[in-house]
Protein backbone atom coordinates (compact mmCIF):
# COMPACT_ATOMS: atom_id res chain seq x y z
CA MET A 1 30.05 -13.99 32.60
CA THR A 2 27.55 -16.49 33.93
CA ALA A 3 26.53 -16.65 37.56
CA ALA A 4 27.86 -19.41 39.75
CA PRO A 5 25.46 -22.32 40.08
CA GLU A 6 23.39 -22.55 43.22
CA PRO A 7 25.11 -24.70 45.82
CA HIS A 8 23.63 -28.08 46.58
CA SER A 9 22.62 -28.73 50.14
CA GLY A 10 22.75 -32.18 51.64
CA TRP A 11 24.84 -35.16 50.75
CA THR A 12 25.17 -36.96 47.42
CA PHE A 13 26.36 -40.37 46.28
CA LEU A 14 28.99 -39.13 43.82
CA THR A 15 31.99 -36.89 44.19
CA ASN A 16 32.47 -33.89 41.94
CA HIS A 17 35.48 -35.67 40.42
CA ALA A 18 33.22 -38.58 39.37
CA ARG A 19 30.65 -36.18 37.93
CA VAL A 20 33.27 -34.32 35.87
CA LEU A 21 34.74 -37.59 34.62
CA ALA A 22 31.27 -38.84 33.62
CA VAL A 23 30.55 -35.65 31.65
CA ILE A 24 33.88 -35.96 29.85
CA ALA A 25 33.18 -39.62 29.11
CA ASP A 26 29.89 -38.53 27.58
CA ASP A 27 31.53 -35.77 25.49
CA ASN A 28 35.32 -35.79 25.30
CA SER A 29 35.41 -32.33 23.74
CA ALA A 30 33.06 -30.63 26.21
CA ARG A 31 34.04 -27.10 27.18
CA ILE A 32 34.82 -26.38 30.81
CA ARG A 33 31.84 -24.03 30.82
CA ASP A 34 29.54 -26.85 29.73
CA ILE A 35 31.02 -29.35 32.18
CA ALA A 36 30.52 -26.83 34.97
CA ALA A 37 26.89 -26.26 34.01
CA ARG A 38 26.10 -29.98 33.84
CA CYS A 39 27.81 -30.66 37.18
CA ARG A 40 26.45 -27.52 38.86
CA LEU A 41 29.97 -26.38 39.68
CA THR A 42 31.95 -23.26 38.98
CA GLU A 43 34.33 -23.23 36.03
CA ARG A 44 37.22 -22.75 38.44
CA ALA A 45 36.20 -25.88 40.39
CA VAL A 46 36.06 -27.88 37.14
CA GLN A 47 39.51 -26.62 36.13
CA LYS A 48 40.89 -27.79 39.50
CA ILE A 49 39.21 -31.20 39.18
CA ILE A 50 40.56 -31.68 35.65
CA TYR A 51 44.01 -30.73 36.93
CA ASP A 52 43.70 -33.33 39.74
CA LEU A 53 42.59 -36.03 37.31
CA GLU A 54 45.44 -35.24 34.91
CA GLN A 55 48.07 -35.16 37.67
CA ASP A 56 47.08 -38.65 38.82
CA GLY A 57 46.93 -40.09 35.29
CA TYR A 58 43.17 -40.58 34.98
CA LEU A 59 42.82 -38.01 32.22
CA SER A 60 44.90 -36.26 29.58
CA HIS A 61 44.08 -33.66 26.97
CA THR A 62 45.24 -32.44 23.60
CA ARG A 63 44.76 -28.91 22.42
CA GLU A 64 43.02 -28.55 19.04
CA GLY A 65 42.84 -24.89 18.11
CA ARG A 66 40.95 -23.22 20.93
CA SER A 67 39.41 -26.48 22.16
CA ASN A 68 40.56 -29.39 24.27
CA THR A 69 39.90 -33.03 23.57
CA TYR A 70 40.12 -35.22 26.65
CA LYS A 71 41.25 -38.83 26.87
CA ILE A 72 40.25 -40.94 29.85
CA GLU A 73 42.51 -43.81 30.94
CA PRO A 74 39.87 -46.58 31.27
CA GLY A 75 42.19 -49.17 32.82
CA LYS A 76 43.33 -46.94 35.67
CA VAL A 77 42.29 -48.33 39.05
CA LEU A 78 40.27 -46.16 41.44
CA ARG A 79 42.09 -44.62 44.40
CA HIS A 80 40.20 -45.75 47.50
CA PRO A 81 41.34 -49.05 49.07
CA SER A 82 37.77 -50.36 49.26
CA GLU A 83 37.54 -49.95 45.46
CA SER A 84 40.77 -51.82 44.75
CA GLY A 85 40.59 -53.52 41.40
CA LEU A 86 37.67 -51.36 40.20
CA THR A 87 38.69 -49.49 37.05
CA VAL A 88 37.61 -46.14 35.69
CA ALA A 89 35.87 -48.02 32.85
CA SER A 90 33.80 -49.97 35.38
CA LEU A 91 32.78 -46.82 37.19
CA LEU A 92 31.88 -45.03 33.97
CA SER A 93 29.82 -47.97 32.74
CA TRP A 94 27.50 -47.27 35.67
CA LEU A 95 27.49 -43.49 35.28
CA VAL A 96 27.38 -42.76 31.57
CA LYS A 97 24.25 -43.57 29.65
CA ASP A 98 24.65 -45.45 26.43
CA GLU A 99 23.64 -43.37 23.42
CA ALA A 100 20.85 -45.86 22.63
CA ASP A 101 19.49 -45.56 26.17
CA ARG A 102 19.28 -41.78 25.85
CA LYS A 103 17.23 -41.97 22.69
CA ALA A 104 14.95 -44.79 23.80
CA PRO A 105 11.46 -43.83 25.02
CA PRO A 106 10.88 -44.44 28.73
CA ALA A 107 9.53 -47.89 29.59
CA GLY A 108 6.11 -48.16 31.01
């Protein structure tokens, strides 16, 4: 069993729900263990977040053998009133790097 990630102190711009969603958008078959590591969360916290996202229709999954494949609902509108009209796809376009961007050498 791996140790829980060190807690982050201070505030951040993104919620843990947004972080988990961004990791899933980047790899729709990521294991909970890998999502937790990338988000610096516990596996239990990631399971709860995935449950929340599924309950509100932002995410669904299909079981394939021992793995899950996640499907994000890109047209779903974000929950906060100040974000009315902003879709999950819009949010993810800001958060998830395009594959080409990841492989490109840094500018400068």
